[in-house]
């Protein structure tokens, strides 16, 4: 979509002037990229994600998982067991974030201070 000479990017019914702005909104928050990074490696249950991402509250984790599911980055699978077992896994769309996240991780390793 364009407005005059300006290209407009639309995602989830929001409009963005810059595709990077849209991507940053998709990965907004302190935890989403980290959650996706771990789900790219393996399917995880809610409690496993909470252990891997220390400091995240149950409420915030639930909100992030729900938003990422709505954005089709992850899937939630409920297994018909007693008690019910729920696993989160990455979608093919979510897997496309591997390269940019891997690049950021490598950049951080090379450019951040080690203690």
C-alpha atoms as a PDB file:
ATOM      1  CA  UNK A   1       0.000   0.000   0.000  1.00  0.00           C
ATOM      2  CA  UNK A   2       1.297   3.481  -0.755  1.00  0.00           C
ATOM      3  CA  UNK A   3       0.269   6.929   0.312  1.00  0.00           C
ATOM      4  CA  UNK A   4       1.672   9.450  -2.136  1.00  0.00           C
ATOM      5  CA  UNK A   5       5.329   8.436  -2.569  1.00  0.00           C
ATOM      6  CA  UNK A   6       5.429   6.799   0.837  1.00  0.00           C
ATOM      7  CA  UNK A   7       5.033   3.020   1.123  1.00  0.00           C
ATOM      8  CA  UNK A   8       2.806   1.871   3.991  1.00  0.00           C
ATOM      9  CA  UNK A   9       3.200  -1.581   5.549  1.00  0.00           C
ATOM     10  CA  UNK A  10       0.141  -3.145   7.114  1.00  0.00           C
ATOM     11  CA  UNK A  11       0.219  -5.913   9.706  1.00  0.00           C
ATOM     12  CA  UNK A  12      -2.498  -6.944  12.174  1.00  0.00           C
ATOM     13  CA  UNK A  13      -4.628  -4.027  11.055  1.00  0.00           C
ATOM     14  CA  UNK A  14      -1.905  -1.514  12.003  1.00  0.00           C
ATOM     15  CA  UNK A  15      -0.097   0.654   9.501  1.00  0.00           C
ATOM     16  CA  UNK A  16       3.650   1.302   9.566  1.00  0.00           C
ATOM     17  CA  UNK A  17       5.833   3.629   7.521  1.00  0.00           C
ATOM     18  CA  UNK A  18       8.846   1.382   8.008  1.00  0.00           C
ATOM     19  CA  UNK A  19       9.038  -2.431   7.907  1.00  0.00           C
ATOM     20  CA  UNK A  20      11.523  -2.390  10.811  1.00  0.00           C
ATOM     21  CA  UNK A  21       8.927  -0.584  12.922  1.00  0.00           C
ATOM     22  CA  UNK A  22       6.441  -3.380  12.160  1.00  0.00           C
ATOM     23  CA  UNK A  23       9.001  -6.066  13.049  1.00  0.00           C
ATOM     24  CA  UNK A  24       9.918  -4.332  16.309  1.00  0.00           C
ATOM     25  CA  UNK A  25       6.228  -4.097  17.233  1.00  0.00           C
ATOM     26  CA  UNK A  26       5.835  -7.816  16.510  1.00  0.00           C
ATOM     27  CA  UNK A  27       8.752  -8.619  18.847  1.00  0.00           C
ATOM     28  CA  UNK A  28       7.910  -5.869  21.353  1.00  0.00           C
ATOM     29  CA  UNK A  29       8.596  -6.374  24.990  1.00  0.00           C
ATOM     30  CA  UNK A  30      11.525  -7.705  26.895  1.00  0.00           C
ATOM     31  CA  UNK A  31      10.726 -11.381  26.422  1.00  0.00           C
ATOM     32  CA  UNK A  32       9.182 -12.246  23.032  1.00  0.00           C
ATOM     33  CA  UNK A  33      12.399 -12.640  21.046  1.00  0.00           C
ATOM     34  CA  UNK A  34      13.875 -14.784  23.828  1.00  0.00           C
ATOM     35  CA  UNK A  35      10.781 -17.010  23.988  1.00  0.00           C
ATOM     36  CA  UNK A  36      10.842 -17.453  20.213  1.00  0.00           C
ATOM     37  CA  UNK A  37      14.587 -18.208  20.321  1.00  0.00           C
ATOM     38  CA  UNK A  38      13.999 -21.082  22.758  1.00  0.00           C
ATOM     39  CA  UNK A  39      10.940 -22.401  20.900  1.00  0.00           C
ATOM     40  CA  UNK A  40      12.944 -22.528  17.663  1.00  0.00           C
ATOM     41  CA  UNK A  41      15.186 -25.055  19.405  1.00  0.00           C
ATOM     42  CA  UNK A  42      12.456 -27.233  20.974  1.00  0.00           C
ATOM     43  CA  UNK A  43       8.790 -27.473  21.943  1.00  0.00           C
ATOM     44  CA  UNK A  44       8.250 -26.324  25.507  1.00  0.00           C
ATOM     45  CA  UNK A  45       5.571 -26.355  28.171  1.00  0.00           C
ATOM     46  CA  UNK A  46       4.541 -23.171  29.982  1.00  0.00           C
ATOM     47  CA  UNK A  47       6.525 -24.036  33.123  1.00  0.00           C
ATOM     48  CA  UNK A  48       9.627 -24.852  31.061  1.00  0.00           C
ATOM     49  CA  UNK A  49       9.458 -21.472  29.332  1.00  0.00           C
ATOM     50  CA  UNK A  50       9.068 -19.770  32.696  1.00  0.00           C
ATOM     51  CA  UNK A  51      12.233 -21.511  33.974  1.00  0.00           C
ATOM     52  CA  UNK A  52      14.244 -20.610  30.859  1.00  0.00           C
ATOM     53  CA  UNK A  53      13.135 -16.963  30.985  1.00  0.00           C
ATOM     54  CA  UNK A  54      13.889 -16.021  34.591  1.00  0.00           C
ATOM     55  CA  UNK A  55      12.061 -13.038  35.994  1.00  0.00           C
ATOM     56  CA  UNK A  56       9.000 -13.247  33.759  1.00  0.00           C
ATOM     57  CA  UNK A  57       5.707 -13.414  35.628  1.00  0.00           C
ATOM     58  CA  UNK A  58       3.001 -15.940  34.749  1.00  0.00           C
ATOM     59  CA  UNK A  59       0.709 -13.095  33.685  1.00  0.00           C
ATOM     60  CA  UNK A  60       3.254 -11.519  31.319  1.00  0.00           C
ATOM     61  CA  UNK A  61       4.279 -14.906  29.906  1.00  0.00           C
ATOM     62  CA  UNK A  62       0.615 -15.773  29.238  1.00  0.00           C
ATOM     63  CA  UNK A  63       0.070 -12.423  27.491  1.00  0.00           C
ATOM     64  CA  UNK A  64       3.177 -12.802  25.316  1.00  0.00           C
ATOM     65  CA  UNK A  65       2.311 -16.380  24.356  1.00  0.00           C
ATOM     66  CA  UNK A  66      -1.233 -15.358  23.440  1.00  0.00           C
ATOM     67  CA  UNK A  67      -0.025 -12.444  21.285  1.00  0.00           C
ATOM     68  CA  UNK A  68       2.619 -14.561  19.547  1.00  0.00           C
ATOM     69  CA  UNK A  69      -0.013 -17.215  18.865  1.00  0.00           C
ATOM     70  CA  UNK A  70      -2.351 -14.565  17.381  1.00  0.00           C
ATOM     71  CA  UNK A  71       0.557 -13.363  15.208  1.00  0.00           C
ATOM     72  CA  UNK A  72       1.080 -16.959  14.025  1.00  0.00           C
ATOM     73  CA  UNK A  73       4.654 -17.141  15.349  1.00  0.00           C
ATOM     74  CA  UNK A  74       3.889 -20.007  17.728  1.00  0.00           C
ATOM     75  CA  UNK A  75       1.257 -22.715  18.128  1.00  0.00           C
ATOM     76  CA  UNK A  76      -0.335 -24.006  21.292  1.00  0.00           C
ATOM     77  CA  UNK A  77      -1.106 -27.719  21.402  1.00  0.00           C
ATOM     78  CA  UNK A  78      -3.373 -29.128  24.109  1.00  0.00           C
ATOM     79  CA  UNK A  79      -3.012 -32.859  24.667  1.00  0.00           C
ATOM     80  CA  UNK A  80      -6.175 -34.678  25.825  1.00  0.00           C
ATOM     81  CA  UNK A  81      -4.702 -36.023  29.052  1.00  0.00           C
ATOM     82  CA  UNK A  82      -5.513 -35.715  32.710  1.00  0.00           C
ATOM     83  CA  UNK A  83      -4.144 -33.362  33.843  1.00  0.00           C
ATOM     84  CA  UNK A  84      -4.103 -31.548  30.484  1.00  0.00           C
ATOM     85  CA  UNK A  85      -0.675 -31.031  28.949  1.00  0.00           C
ATOM     86  CA  UNK A  86      -0.035 -27.944  26.837  1.00  0.00           C
ATOM     87  CA  UNK A  87       3.020 -27.453  24.641  1.00  0.00           C
ATOM     88  CA  UNK A  88       4.123 -24.462  22.625  1.00  0.00           C
ATOM     89  CA  UNK A  89       5.980 -24.852  19.365  1.00  0.00           C
ATOM     90  CA  UNK A  90       7.304 -22.563  16.673  1.00  0.00           C
ATOM     91  CA  UNK A  91       5.431 -22.151  13.382  1.00  0.00           C
ATOM     92  CA  UNK A  92       7.059 -21.993   9.963  1.00  0.00           C
ATOM     93  CA  UNK A  93       6.566 -18.213  10.098  1.00  0.00           C
ATOM     94  CA  UNK A  94       8.251 -18.099  13.509  1.00  0.00           C
ATOM     95  CA  UNK A  95      11.176 -20.160  12.195  1.00  0.00           C
ATOM     96  CA  UNK A  96      11.958 -17.381   9.733  1.00  0.00           C
ATOM     97  CA  UNK A  97      13.134 -15.332  12.726  1.00  0.00           C
ATOM     98  CA  UNK A  98      16.038 -17.736  13.340  1.00  0.00           C
ATOM     99  CA  UNK A  99      18.539 -15.896  11.130  1.00  0.00           C
ATOM    100  CA  UNK A 100      17.892 -12.383  12.465  1.00  0.00           C
ATOM    101  CA  UNK A 101      17.851 -13.597  16.084  1.00  0.00           C
ATOM    102  CA  UNK A 102      20.993 -15.662  15.515  1.00  0.00           C
ATOM    103  CA  UNK A 103      22.680 -12.613  14.023  1.00  0.00           C
ATOM    104  CA  UNK A 104      21.705 -10.532  17.084  1.00  0.00           C
ATOM    105  CA  UNK A 105      23.014 -13.206  19.441  1.00  0.00           C
ATOM    106  CA  UNK A 106      26.339 -13.344  17.597  1.00  0.00           C
ATOM    107  CA  UNK A 107      26.538  -9.550  17.548  1.00  0.00           C
ATOM    108  CA  UNK A 108      25.994  -9.465  21.313  1.00  0.00           C
ATOM    109  CA  UNK A 109      28.686 -12.105  21.881  1.00  0.00           C
ATOM    110  CA  UNK A 110      31.168 -10.030  19.892  1.00  0.00           C
ATOM    111  CA  UNK A 111      30.230  -6.576  21.136  1.00  0.00           C
ATOM    112  CA  UNK A 112      29.004  -6.830  24.712  1.00  0.00           C
ATOM    113  CA  UNK A 113      31.272  -6.796  27.722  1.00  0.00           C
ATOM    114  CA  UNK A 114      31.950 -10.140  29.336  1.00  0.00           C
ATOM    115  CA  UNK A 115      32.270 -10.338  33.101  1.00  0.00           C
END
